[in-house]
Amino acid sequence: MKASSSPQRRSYWLKTLHQWHWMSAALSLAGLIVFAATGITLNNAAWVEASPKVQAQTAAMPANIAAMLVERADGPDKGPLPALAEQWLDQQLHIRIRGRTAEYSPDEVYVGLPEPGADAWLAVALPGGEVEYERTTRGWVAYFNDLHKGRNTGAAWSWFIDIFAVACLVFAFTGLFLMKMHAANRKATWPLTGLGILIPLILMLLWVH
């Protein structure tokens, strides 16, 4: 009975591991391609020369909205813009402030608007309400590099990175167990696995400084 149960147990675990392995591979495939490709571009930034493009706009804020900012400037140094001011700025400048923190001073309100692959800011002069907006973009490579780093990407992308990392771990560990189960018929399994561990370890100890 024990002899017959062992092949059945092995078959069960092989089937289960294969199922989890291909599912995690499917979930992490797009992310693995993007993160591997951007790993190359980040490590070899000199290969891709960015040509920053600057977009600048000016506008005159309505007096009633500027008065709200003047009143708000008497409070804490940092905080969100009044809803009406944010709505007007979004529509006038074709941007999305999304409740970002503004910095208040008696003569100016400043809002930093960084995003993947770009940096932007706006300033509202007080009490007149003159608006100055500037956005500098660095191209698609910079955009994907910032996605790789999670730079200015927001909560949704942060959650994606965490879920993607879990899928990669499942992919890696199910692959490890599958290698163990097939190792008897594949003699190069453990030498190659050991080499994959040894190479980065030697590089870290001897050449990374």
N, C-alpha and C. Protein backbone atom coordinates (compact mmCIF):
# COMPACT_ATOMS: atom_id res chain seq x y z
N MET A 1 0.83 -1.20 0.00
CA MET A 1 0.00 0.00 0.00
C MET A 1 0.87 1.26 0.00
N LYS A 2 1.92 1.26 0.84
CA LYS A 2 2.81 2.41 0.92
C LYS A 2 3.55 2.61 -0.39
N ALA A 3 3.97 1.49 -1.03
CA ALA A 3 4.70 1.58 -2.29
C ALA A 3 3.83 2.20 -3.38
N SER A 4 2.52 1.86 -3.38
CA SER A 4 1.64 2.40 -4.41
C SER A 4 1.24 3.85 -4.13
N SER A 5 1.27 4.27 -2.85
CA SER A 5 0.86 5.62 -2.52
C SER A 5 1.95 6.64 -2.86
N SER A 6 3.22 6.18 -2.86
CA SER A 6 4.31 7.12 -3.14
C SER A 6 4.25 7.70 -4.55
N PRO A 7 4.07 6.90 -5.60
CA PRO A 7 3.91 7.48 -6.94
C PRO A 7 2.68 8.38 -7.04
N GLN A 8 1.61 8.02 -6.33
CA GLN A 8 0.40 8.85 -6.36
C GLN A 8 0.66 10.21 -5.70
N ARG A 9 1.39 10.19 -4.58
CA ARG A 9 1.73 11.43 -3.89
C ARG A 9 2.62 12.30 -4.78
N ARG A 10 3.59 11.65 -5.43
CA ARG A 10 4.50 12.40 -6.32
C ARG A 10 3.71 13.00 -7.48
N SER A 11 2.79 12.23 -8.03
CA SER A 11 1.98 12.71 -9.14
C SER A 11 1.12 13.91 -8.70
N TYR A 12 0.57 13.81 -7.49
CA TYR A 12 -0.26 14.90 -6.97
C TYR A 12 0.55 16.19 -6.83
N TRP A 13 1.74 16.09 -6.22
CA TRP A 13 2.56 17.27 -6.02
C TRP A 13 3.10 17.84 -7.33
N LEU A 14 3.44 16.94 -8.27
CA LEU A 14 3.87 17.43 -9.57
C LEU A 14 2.76 18.22 -10.26
N LYS A 15 1.56 17.69 -10.22
CA LYS A 15 0.43 18.36 -10.85
C LYS A 15 0.14 19.70 -10.17
N THR A 16 0.16 19.70 -8.83
CA THR A 16 -0.12 20.92 -8.08
C THR A 16 0.94 21.99 -8.33
N LEU A 17 2.21 21.57 -8.28
CA LEU A 17 3.30 22.52 -8.50
C LEU A 17 3.29 23.08 -9.91
N HIS A 18 3.03 22.21 -10.88
CA HIS A 18 2.96 22.68 -12.27
C HIS A 18 1.83 23.70 -12.43
N GLN A 19 0.70 23.44 -11.77
CA GLN A 19 -0.44 24.35 -11.88
C GLN A 19 -0.10 25.72 -11.29
N TRP A 20 0.48 25.74 -10.09
CA TRP A 20 0.85 27.00 -9.46
C TRP A 20 1.98 27.69 -10.23
N HIS A 21 2.88 26.89 -10.82
CA HIS A 21 4.01 27.45 -11.55
C HIS A 21 3.53 28.18 -12.80
N TRP A 22 2.64 27.56 -13.57
CA TRP A 22 2.22 28.22 -14.80
C TRP A 22 1.29 29.40 -14.50
N MET A 23 0.48 29.29 -13.43
CA MET A 23 -0.41 30.40 -13.08
C MET A 23 0.40 31.63 -12.64
N SER A 24 1.41 31.40 -11.80
CA SER A 24 2.25 32.52 -11.35
C SER A 24 3.07 33.08 -12.51
N ALA A 25 3.48 32.20 -13.45
CA ALA A 25 4.21 32.66 -14.63
C ALA A 25 3.32 33.56 -15.49
N ALA A 26 2.07 33.15 -15.66
CA ALA A 26 1.14 33.94 -16.46
C ALA A 26 0.88 35.31 -15.82
N LEU A 27 0.72 35.32 -14.50
CA LEU A 27 0.44 36.57 -13.80
C LEU A 27 1.63 37.52 -13.81
N SER A 28 2.83 36.98 -13.77
CA SER A 28 4.01 37.83 -13.65
C SER A 28 4.73 38.06 -14.97
N LEU A 29 4.25 37.48 -16.07
CA LEU A 29 4.96 37.54 -17.35
C LEU A 29 5.20 38.98 -17.81
N ALA A 30 4.12 39.78 -17.90
CA ALA A 30 4.26 41.15 -18.40
C ALA A 30 5.17 41.95 -17.49
N GLY A 31 4.98 41.79 -16.17
CA GLY A 31 5.81 42.52 -15.22
C GLY A 31 7.26 42.12 -15.31
N LEU A 32 7.54 40.82 -15.49
CA LEU A 32 8.91 40.35 -15.61
C LEU A 32 9.60 40.95 -16.83
N ILE A 33 8.87 41.02 -17.94
CA ILE A 33 9.45 41.61 -19.16
C ILE A 33 9.77 43.08 -18.94
N VAL A 34 8.81 43.83 -18.36
CA VAL A 34 9.02 45.26 -18.13
C VAL A 34 10.15 45.50 -17.15
N PHE A 35 10.17 44.75 -16.04
CA PHE A 35 11.19 44.99 -15.02
C PHE A 35 12.57 44.53 -15.49
N ALA A 36 12.62 43.46 -16.28
CA ALA A 36 13.92 43.02 -16.81
C ALA A 36 14.45 44.03 -17.82
N ALA A 37 13.59 44.50 -18.71
CA ALA A 37 14.01 45.47 -19.73
C ALA A 37 14.45 46.79 -19.09
N THR A 38 13.68 47.27 -18.12
CA THR A 38 14.05 48.52 -17.47
C THR A 38 15.25 48.34 -16.55
N GLY A 39 15.50 47.12 -16.08
CA GLY A 39 16.74 46.86 -15.35
C GLY A 39 17.95 47.12 -16.24
N ILE A 40 17.84 46.75 -17.52
CA ILE A 40 18.94 47.00 -18.47
C ILE A 40 19.08 48.49 -18.73
N THR A 41 17.96 49.18 -18.96
CA THR A 41 18.05 50.62 -19.27
C THR A 41 18.52 51.42 -18.06
N LEU A 42 18.14 51.00 -16.85
CA LEU A 42 18.62 51.70 -15.66
C LEU A 42 20.11 51.47 -15.43
N ASN A 43 20.57 50.26 -15.73
CA ASN A 43 21.98 49.93 -15.51
C ASN A 43 22.88 50.50 -16.59
N ASN A 44 22.27 50.90 -17.70
CA ASN A 44 23.06 51.45 -18.83
C ASN A 44 22.40 52.74 -19.32
N ALA A 45 22.26 53.68 -18.40
CA ALA A 45 21.56 54.93 -18.73
C ALA A 45 22.21 55.69 -19.85
N ALA A 46 23.52 55.55 -20.01
CA ALA A 46 24.24 56.30 -21.05
C ALA A 46 23.83 55.85 -22.45
N TRP A 47 23.27 54.65 -22.56
CA TRP A 47 22.86 54.18 -23.88
C TRP A 47 21.72 55.01 -24.46
N VAL A 48 20.85 55.48 -23.58
CA VAL A 48 19.65 56.19 -24.02
C VAL A 48 19.74 57.63 -23.51
N GLU A 49 19.96 58.54 -24.42
CA GLU A 49 20.06 59.94 -24.04
C GLU A 49 18.67 60.58 -24.11
N ALA A 50 18.23 61.07 -22.96
CA ALA A 50 16.92 61.71 -22.91
C ALA A 50 17.01 63.14 -23.41
N SER A 51 15.96 63.58 -24.08
CA SER A 51 15.85 64.96 -24.53
C SER A 51 14.65 65.59 -23.85
N PRO A 52 14.87 66.22 -22.71
CA PRO A 52 13.74 66.77 -21.95
C PRO A 52 12.95 67.79 -22.77
N LYS A 53 11.64 67.73 -22.62
CA LYS A 53 10.76 68.69 -23.27
C LYS A 53 10.01 69.46 -22.19
N VAL A 54 10.04 70.76 -22.30
CA VAL A 54 9.44 71.63 -21.28
C VAL A 54 8.17 72.26 -21.84
N GLN A 55 7.09 72.14 -21.08
CA GLN A 55 5.82 72.76 -21.42
C GLN A 55 5.49 73.77 -20.33
N ALA A 56 5.23 75.01 -20.71
CA ALA A 56 4.93 76.05 -19.72
C ALA A 56 3.59 76.71 -20.06
N GLN A 57 2.84 77.03 -19.02
CA GLN A 57 1.56 77.71 -19.19
C GLN A 57 1.41 78.77 -18.11
N THR A 58 0.65 79.80 -18.43
CA THR A 58 0.29 80.80 -17.44
C THR A 58 -1.22 81.03 -17.51
N ALA A 59 -1.78 81.51 -16.42
CA ALA A 59 -3.21 81.77 -16.37
C ALA A 59 -3.48 82.79 -15.27
N ALA A 60 -4.66 83.39 -15.33
CA ALA A 60 -5.08 84.35 -14.31
C ALA A 60 -6.26 83.74 -13.56
N MET A 61 -6.06 83.50 -12.27
CA MET A 61 -7.09 82.88 -11.45
C MET A 61 -8.19 83.89 -11.12
N PRO A 62 -9.45 83.49 -11.18
CA PRO A 62 -10.54 84.40 -10.79
C PRO A 62 -10.34 84.95 -9.38
N ALA A 63 -10.77 86.18 -9.19
CA ALA A 63 -10.52 86.87 -7.91
C ALA A 63 -11.11 86.12 -6.72
N ASN A 64 -12.31 85.54 -6.88
CA ASN A 64 -12.94 84.87 -5.74
C ASN A 64 -12.17 83.62 -5.32
N ILE A 65 -11.57 82.91 -6.29
CA ILE A 65 -10.79 81.71 -5.96
C ILE A 65 -9.45 82.11 -5.37
N ALA A 66 -8.83 83.16 -5.92
CA ALA A 66 -7.57 83.64 -5.36
C ALA A 66 -7.77 84.10 -3.92
N ALA A 67 -8.93 84.69 -3.63
CA ALA A 67 -9.23 85.13 -2.26
C ALA A 67 -9.28 83.94 -1.31
N MET A 68 -9.77 82.80 -1.79
CA MET A 68 -9.78 81.58 -0.96
C MET A 68 -8.37 81.18 -0.58
N LEU A 69 -7.43 81.27 -1.54
CA LEU A 69 -6.04 80.89 -1.27
C LEU A 69 -5.38 81.87 -0.31
N VAL A 70 -5.71 83.16 -0.45
CA VAL A 70 -5.17 84.15 0.47
C VAL A 70 -5.63 83.85 1.89
N GLU A 71 -6.91 83.53 2.02
CA GLU A 71 -7.44 83.18 3.35
C GLU A 71 -6.80 81.90 3.87
N ARG A 72 -6.63 80.93 2.98
CA ARG A 72 -6.04 79.65 3.40
C ARG A 72 -4.57 79.82 3.79
N ALA A 73 -3.88 80.77 3.20
CA ALA A 73 -2.46 80.98 3.49
C ALA A 73 -2.22 81.43 4.93
N ASP A 74 -3.27 81.89 5.62
CA ASP A 74 -3.14 82.29 7.02
C ASP A 74 -3.09 81.09 7.95
N GLY A 75 -3.38 79.90 7.41
CA GLY A 75 -3.41 78.68 8.23
C GLY A 75 -2.09 77.94 8.18
N PRO A 76 -2.13 76.59 8.28
CA PRO A 76 -0.91 75.77 8.25
C PRO A 76 -0.13 75.95 6.95
N ASP A 77 1.19 75.69 7.02
CA ASP A 77 2.06 75.88 5.86
C ASP A 77 1.77 74.89 4.73
N LYS A 78 1.24 73.72 5.08
CA LYS A 78 0.98 72.69 4.06
C LYS A 78 -0.43 72.15 4.19
N GLY A 79 -1.01 71.75 3.06
CA GLY A 79 -2.35 71.18 3.05
C GLY A 79 -2.89 71.16 1.64
N PRO A 80 -4.04 70.55 1.42
CA PRO A 80 -4.62 70.50 0.08
C PRO A 80 -5.16 71.86 -0.36
N LEU A 81 -5.31 72.01 -1.65
CA LEU A 81 -5.95 73.20 -2.18
C LEU A 81 -7.45 73.15 -1.91
N PRO A 82 -8.11 74.29 -1.80
CA PRO A 82 -9.58 74.28 -1.75
C PRO A 82 -10.14 73.59 -2.99
N ALA A 83 -11.22 72.86 -2.82
CA ALA A 83 -11.78 72.06 -3.91
C ALA A 83 -12.05 72.89 -5.16
N LEU A 84 -12.58 74.12 -4.98
CA LEU A 84 -12.89 74.96 -6.13
C LEU A 84 -11.63 75.38 -6.86
N ALA A 85 -10.56 75.68 -6.10
CA ALA A 85 -9.28 76.06 -6.72
C ALA A 85 -8.69 74.89 -7.49
N GLU A 86 -8.73 73.70 -6.91
CA GLU A 86 -8.20 72.52 -7.60
C GLU A 86 -8.97 72.24 -8.87
N GLN A 87 -10.30 72.34 -8.80
CA GLN A 87 -11.13 72.08 -9.98
C GLN A 87 -10.83 73.09 -11.09
N TRP A 88 -10.67 74.36 -10.72
CA TRP A 88 -10.39 75.38 -11.74
C TRP A 88 -9.03 75.15 -12.37
N LEU A 89 -8.02 74.86 -11.57
CA LEU A 89 -6.68 74.61 -12.09
C LEU A 89 -6.65 73.39 -13.00
N ASP A 90 -7.33 72.32 -12.61
CA ASP A 90 -7.40 71.11 -13.44
C ASP A 90 -7.98 71.42 -14.81
N GLN A 91 -9.07 72.17 -14.82
CA GLN A 91 -9.74 72.48 -16.08
C GLN A 91 -8.93 73.47 -16.92
N GLN A 92 -8.35 74.47 -16.27
CA GLN A 92 -7.64 75.52 -17.00
C GLN A 92 -6.33 75.02 -17.58
N LEU A 93 -5.60 74.19 -16.81
CA LEU A 93 -4.27 73.74 -17.24
C LEU A 93 -4.28 72.33 -17.83
N HIS A 94 -5.44 71.67 -17.83
CA HIS A 94 -5.58 70.29 -18.32
C HIS A 94 -4.65 69.34 -17.56
N ILE A 95 -4.73 69.41 -16.23
CA ILE A 95 -3.92 68.56 -15.36
C ILE A 95 -4.85 67.87 -14.36
N ARG A 96 -4.26 67.02 -13.51
CA ARG A 96 -5.01 66.37 -12.44
C ARG A 96 -4.20 66.49 -11.15
N ILE A 97 -4.62 67.38 -10.29
CA ILE A 97 -3.89 67.61 -9.04
C ILE A 97 -4.15 66.50 -8.03
N ARG A 98 -5.37 65.99 -8.00
CA ARG A 98 -5.72 64.82 -7.18
C ARG A 98 -5.41 65.02 -5.70
N GLY A 99 -5.73 66.18 -5.19
CA GLY A 99 -5.59 66.41 -3.76
C GLY A 99 -4.17 66.46 -3.25
N ARG A 100 -3.20 66.73 -4.10
CA ARG A 100 -1.80 66.78 -3.64
C ARG A 100 -1.58 67.94 -2.68
N THR A 101 -0.58 67.78 -1.86
CA THR A 101 -0.29 68.78 -0.84
C THR A 101 0.28 70.05 -1.46
N ALA A 102 -0.25 71.18 -1.04
CA ALA A 102 0.25 72.48 -1.47
C ALA A 102 1.05 73.11 -0.33
N GLU A 103 2.02 73.92 -0.70
CA GLU A 103 2.82 74.66 0.28
C GLU A 103 2.39 76.13 0.23
N TYR A 104 1.96 76.63 1.39
CA TYR A 104 1.41 77.99 1.47
C TYR A 104 2.41 78.95 2.10
N SER A 105 2.50 80.14 1.52
CA SER A 105 3.24 81.25 2.11
C SER A 105 2.43 82.51 1.84
N PRO A 106 2.73 83.61 2.50
CA PRO A 106 1.92 84.83 2.31
C PRO A 106 1.86 85.32 0.87
N ASP A 107 2.91 85.04 0.08
CA ASP A 107 2.93 85.58 -1.28
C ASP A 107 2.83 84.53 -2.38
N GLU A 108 2.70 83.24 -2.01
CA GLU A 108 2.67 82.21 -3.05
C GLU A 108 2.10 80.90 -2.52
N VAL A 109 1.45 80.17 -3.41
CA VAL A 109 1.05 78.79 -3.16
C VAL A 109 1.76 77.92 -4.19
N TYR A 110 2.46 76.91 -3.72
CA TYR A 110 3.26 76.05 -4.60
C TYR A 110 2.77 74.61 -4.49
N VAL A 111 2.62 73.95 -5.64
CA VAL A 111 2.21 72.53 -5.66
C VAL A 111 3.18 71.76 -6.55
N GLY A 112 3.87 70.78 -5.97
CA GLY A 112 4.71 69.89 -6.77
C GLY A 112 3.88 68.78 -7.39
N LEU A 113 4.10 68.52 -8.67
CA LEU A 113 3.29 67.54 -9.40
C LEU A 113 4.18 66.51 -10.12
N PRO A 114 5.09 65.86 -9.41
CA PRO A 114 5.94 64.87 -10.07
C PRO A 114 5.13 63.65 -10.51
N GLU A 115 5.58 63.01 -11.58
CA GLU A 115 4.94 61.81 -12.10
C GLU A 115 5.99 60.95 -12.78
N PRO A 116 5.68 59.69 -13.11
CA PRO A 116 6.68 58.85 -13.79
C PRO A 116 7.15 59.48 -15.09
N GLY A 117 8.46 59.62 -15.24
CA GLY A 117 9.02 60.15 -16.47
C GLY A 117 8.88 61.65 -16.65
N ALA A 118 8.39 62.34 -15.63
CA ALA A 118 8.18 63.78 -15.77
C ALA A 118 8.18 64.46 -14.40
N ASP A 119 8.53 65.73 -14.42
CA ASP A 119 8.44 66.57 -13.23
C ASP A 119 7.62 67.80 -13.59
N ALA A 120 6.75 68.19 -12.67
CA ALA A 120 5.90 69.35 -12.94
C ALA A 120 5.62 70.09 -11.64
N TRP A 121 5.27 71.33 -11.76
CA TRP A 121 4.92 72.15 -10.61
C TRP A 121 4.05 73.31 -11.06
N LEU A 122 3.31 73.85 -10.11
CA LEU A 122 2.57 75.08 -10.37
C LEU A 122 2.69 75.99 -9.17
N ALA A 123 2.63 77.29 -9.45
CA ALA A 123 2.71 78.29 -8.40
C ALA A 123 1.65 79.34 -8.66
N VAL A 124 1.00 79.76 -7.60
CA VAL A 124 -0.01 80.81 -7.68
C VAL A 124 0.48 81.99 -6.85
N ALA A 125 0.71 83.11 -7.51
CA ALA A 125 1.16 84.31 -6.81
C ALA A 125 -0.01 84.93 -6.06
N LEU A 126 0.23 85.34 -4.82
CA LEU A 126 -0.80 85.96 -4.00
C LEU A 126 -0.43 87.42 -3.73
N PRO A 127 -1.43 88.31 -3.69
CA PRO A 127 -2.87 88.03 -3.72
C PRO A 127 -3.49 88.07 -5.12
N GLY A 128 -2.66 88.36 -6.15
CA GLY A 128 -3.22 88.59 -7.48
C GLY A 128 -3.80 87.36 -8.16
N GLY A 129 -3.24 86.16 -7.88
CA GLY A 129 -3.76 84.95 -8.49
C GLY A 129 -3.14 84.60 -9.83
N GLU A 130 -1.94 85.16 -10.12
CA GLU A 130 -1.26 84.78 -11.37
C GLU A 130 -0.72 83.36 -11.23
N VAL A 131 -1.04 82.51 -12.20
CA VAL A 131 -0.68 81.09 -12.15
C VAL A 131 0.43 80.81 -13.14
N GLU A 132 1.43 80.09 -12.68
CA GLU A 132 2.53 79.64 -13.54
C GLU A 132 2.65 78.13 -13.39
N TYR A 133 2.66 77.45 -14.54
CA TYR A 133 2.74 75.98 -14.54
C TYR A 133 3.84 75.54 -15.48
N GLU A 134 4.62 74.53 -15.06
CA GLU A 134 5.70 74.01 -15.91
C GLU A 134 5.77 72.50 -15.76
N ARG A 135 5.93 71.83 -16.90
CA ARG A 135 6.04 70.36 -16.91
C ARG A 135 7.20 69.95 -17.81
N THR A 136 8.11 69.13 -17.28
CA THR A 136 9.27 68.65 -18.03
C THR A 136 9.17 67.14 -18.19
N THR A 137 9.10 66.66 -19.43
CA THR A 137 9.02 65.23 -19.70
C THR A 137 10.36 64.73 -20.23
N ARG A 138 10.68 63.46 -19.89
CA ARG A 138 11.98 62.90 -20.27
C ARG A 138 11.85 61.67 -21.18
N GLY A 139 10.68 61.42 -21.71
CA GLY A 139 10.51 60.34 -22.68
C GLY A 139 10.01 59.04 -22.07
N TRP A 140 9.73 58.07 -22.97
CA TRP A 140 9.14 56.80 -22.56
C TRP A 140 10.10 55.94 -21.76
N VAL A 141 11.38 56.00 -22.08
CA VAL A 141 12.34 55.19 -21.31
C VAL A 141 12.36 55.65 -19.86
N ALA A 142 12.38 56.96 -19.65
CA ALA A 142 12.35 57.49 -18.28
C ALA A 142 11.04 57.13 -17.59
N TYR A 143 9.95 57.11 -18.34
CA TYR A 143 8.66 56.74 -17.78
C TYR A 143 8.70 55.31 -17.23
N PHE A 144 9.18 54.37 -18.05
CA PHE A 144 9.23 52.98 -17.60
C PHE A 144 10.30 52.77 -16.53
N ASN A 145 11.39 53.52 -16.58
CA ASN A 145 12.38 53.43 -15.52
C ASN A 145 11.79 53.85 -14.17
N ASP A 146 10.98 54.90 -14.18
CA ASP A 146 10.33 55.34 -12.94
C ASP A 146 9.30 54.33 -12.46
N LEU A 147 8.62 53.65 -13.39
CA LEU A 147 7.71 52.57 -12.99
C LEU A 147 8.50 51.47 -12.28
N HIS A 148 9.67 51.15 -12.82
CA HIS A 148 10.53 50.13 -12.21
C HIS A 148 10.87 50.51 -10.77
N LYS A 149 11.18 51.78 -10.54
CA LYS A 149 11.58 52.24 -9.21
C LYS A 149 10.39 52.57 -8.32
N GLY A 150 9.19 52.59 -8.88
CA GLY A 150 8.02 53.00 -8.10
C GLY A 150 8.07 54.48 -7.75
N ARG A 151 8.70 55.28 -8.60
CA ARG A 151 8.88 56.71 -8.32
C ARG A 151 7.66 57.50 -8.76
N ASN A 152 7.01 58.15 -7.83
CA ASN A 152 5.86 59.02 -8.11
C ASN A 152 4.76 58.29 -8.87
N THR A 153 4.49 57.05 -8.49
CA THR A 153 3.54 56.22 -9.24
C THR A 153 2.18 56.06 -8.58
N GLY A 154 2.06 56.42 -7.30
CA GLY A 154 0.77 56.33 -6.63
C GLY A 154 0.51 54.98 -6.00
N ALA A 155 -0.60 54.91 -5.27
CA ALA A 155 -0.91 53.72 -4.46
C ALA A 155 -1.24 52.50 -5.32
N ALA A 156 -1.95 52.69 -6.43
CA ALA A 156 -2.36 51.55 -7.25
C ALA A 156 -1.14 50.80 -7.79
N TRP A 157 -0.15 51.54 -8.30
CA TRP A 157 1.06 50.88 -8.83
C TRP A 157 1.85 50.24 -7.71
N SER A 158 1.86 50.86 -6.53
CA SER A 158 2.55 50.27 -5.38
C SER A 158 1.94 48.92 -5.02
N TRP A 159 0.61 48.85 -5.04
CA TRP A 159 -0.06 47.57 -4.80
C TRP A 159 0.30 46.55 -5.87
N PHE A 160 0.35 47.01 -7.14
CA PHE A 160 0.70 46.09 -8.22
C PHE A 160 2.08 45.50 -8.01
N ILE A 161 3.06 46.34 -7.62
CA ILE A 161 4.42 45.85 -7.40
C ILE A 161 4.44 44.78 -6.32
N ASP A 162 3.68 45.00 -5.24
CA ASP A 162 3.64 44.01 -4.16
C ASP A 162 3.03 42.69 -4.64
N ILE A 163 1.92 42.78 -5.37
CA ILE A 163 1.26 41.56 -5.87
C ILE A 163 2.15 40.86 -6.88
N PHE A 164 2.78 41.65 -7.77
CA PHE A 164 3.70 41.09 -8.76
C PHE A 164 4.87 40.39 -8.08
N ALA A 165 5.40 40.98 -7.00
CA ALA A 165 6.52 40.37 -6.28
C ALA A 165 6.11 39.03 -5.67
N VAL A 166 4.89 38.96 -5.12
CA VAL A 166 4.40 37.70 -4.56
C VAL A 166 4.29 36.64 -5.66
N ALA A 167 3.75 37.04 -6.83
CA ALA A 167 3.63 36.10 -7.96
C ALA A 167 5.01 35.60 -8.39
N CYS A 168 6.02 36.48 -8.39
CA CYS A 168 7.37 36.08 -8.75
C CYS A 168 7.95 35.10 -7.73
N LEU A 169 7.66 35.32 -6.45
CA LEU A 169 8.14 34.40 -5.42
C LEU A 169 7.50 33.03 -5.58
N VAL A 170 6.19 33.01 -5.86
CA VAL A 170 5.50 31.74 -6.10
C VAL A 170 6.12 31.03 -7.30
N PHE A 171 6.36 31.79 -8.37
CA PHE A 171 6.98 31.25 -9.57
C PHE A 171 8.35 30.65 -9.27
N ALA A 172 9.15 31.37 -8.47
CA ALA A 172 10.51 30.92 -8.16
C ALA A 172 10.49 29.68 -7.27
N PHE A 173 9.68 29.68 -6.22
CA PHE A 173 9.70 28.56 -5.28
C PHE A 173 9.05 27.31 -5.85
N THR A 174 7.99 27.47 -6.65
CA THR A 174 7.42 26.29 -7.31
C THR A 174 8.43 25.72 -8.32
N GLY A 175 9.17 26.62 -8.99
CA GLY A 175 10.23 26.15 -9.89
C GLY A 175 11.31 25.39 -9.14
N LEU A 176 11.65 25.88 -7.94
CA LEU A 176 12.66 25.19 -7.13
C LEU A 176 12.22 23.79 -6.75
N PHE A 177 10.97 23.66 -6.32
CA PHE A 177 10.47 22.34 -5.93
C PHE A 177 10.34 21.42 -7.14
N LEU A 178 9.97 21.98 -8.29
CA LEU A 178 9.91 21.16 -9.50
C LEU A 178 11.30 20.69 -9.90
N MET A 179 12.30 21.55 -9.75
CA MET A 179 13.68 21.14 -10.03
C MET A 179 14.09 19.99 -9.11
N LYS A 180 13.71 20.10 -7.84
CA LYS A 180 14.05 19.05 -6.87
C LYS A 180 13.44 17.71 -7.28
N MET A 181 12.19 17.76 -7.75
CA MET A 181 11.50 16.52 -8.11
C MET A 181 12.04 15.92 -9.40
N HIS A 182 12.62 16.76 -10.27
CA HIS A 182 13.16 16.26 -11.53
C HIS A 182 14.67 16.10 -11.51
N ALA A 183 15.31 16.46 -10.38
CA ALA A 183 16.77 16.52 -10.33
C ALA A 183 17.42 15.17 -10.61
N ALA A 184 16.77 14.09 -10.20
CA ALA A 184 17.37 12.76 -10.38
C ALA A 184 17.61 12.45 -11.85
N ASN A 185 16.77 12.98 -12.72
CA ASN A 185 16.89 12.71 -14.16
C ASN A 185 17.61 13.84 -14.91
N ARG A 186 17.97 14.89 -14.18
CA ARG A 186 18.64 16.03 -14.82
C ARG A 186 19.86 16.37 -13.97
N LYS A 187 20.99 15.80 -14.30
CA LYS A 187 22.19 15.87 -13.46
C LYS A 187 22.72 17.30 -13.32
N ALA A 188 22.44 18.15 -14.28
CA ALA A 188 22.98 19.52 -14.23
C ALA A 188 22.16 20.45 -13.35
N THR A 189 21.06 19.94 -12.79
CA THR A 189 20.15 20.81 -12.03
C THR A 189 20.85 21.55 -10.90
N TRP A 190 21.46 20.80 -9.97
CA TRP A 190 22.03 21.45 -8.80
C TRP A 190 23.34 22.19 -9.08
N PRO A 191 24.20 21.69 -9.98
CA PRO A 191 25.36 22.51 -10.34
C PRO A 191 24.98 23.87 -10.93
N LEU A 192 23.97 23.89 -11.80
CA LEU A 192 23.53 25.16 -12.39
C LEU A 192 22.87 26.06 -11.35
N THR A 193 22.08 25.45 -10.45
CA THR A 193 21.44 26.23 -9.39
C THR A 193 22.49 26.82 -8.46
N GLY A 194 23.48 26.01 -8.10
CA GLY A 194 24.56 26.50 -7.24
C GLY A 194 25.34 27.62 -7.91
N LEU A 195 25.56 27.48 -9.22
CA LEU A 195 26.28 28.51 -9.97
C LEU A 195 25.49 29.82 -9.97
N GLY A 196 24.16 29.70 -10.12
CA GLY A 196 23.31 30.88 -10.11
C GLY A 196 23.34 31.62 -8.78
N ILE A 197 23.60 30.89 -7.69
CA ILE A 197 23.72 31.51 -6.37
C ILE A 197 25.13 32.04 -6.16
N LEU A 198 26.12 31.27 -6.62
CA LEU A 198 27.51 31.59 -6.35
C LEU A 198 27.99 32.83 -7.11
N ILE A 199 27.58 32.99 -8.37
CA ILE A 199 28.05 34.11 -9.17
C ILE A 199 27.70 35.46 -8.55
N PRO A 200 26.40 35.73 -8.21
CA PRO A 200 26.12 37.04 -7.60
C PRO A 200 26.77 37.20 -6.23
N LEU A 201 26.93 36.09 -5.48
CA LEU A 201 27.56 36.16 -4.17
C LEU A 201 29.03 36.59 -4.29
N ILE A 202 29.75 35.99 -5.25
CA ILE A 202 31.14 36.37 -5.48
C ILE A 202 31.25 37.82 -5.93
N LEU A 203 30.34 38.24 -6.83
CA LEU A 203 30.37 39.62 -7.30
C LEU A 203 30.14 40.60 -6.14
N MET A 204 29.19 40.26 -5.25
CA MET A 204 28.92 41.15 -4.13
C MET A 204 30.10 41.25 -3.17
N LEU A 205 30.77 40.12 -2.94
CA LEU A 205 31.85 40.10 -1.97
C LEU A 205 33.13 40.72 -2.51
N LEU A 206 33.40 40.54 -3.80
CA LEU A 206 34.70 40.95 -4.34
C LEU A 206 34.67 42.24 -5.16
N TRP A 207 33.59 42.52 -5.88
CA TRP A 207 33.62 43.63 -6.83
C TRP A 207 32.58 44.71 -6.57
N VAL A 208 31.63 44.48 -5.68
CA VAL A 208 30.64 45.52 -5.40
C VAL A 208 31.15 46.37 -4.24
N HIS A 209 31.34 47.64 -4.49
CA HIS A 209 31.84 48.54 -3.45
C HIS A 209 31.36 49.96 -3.73
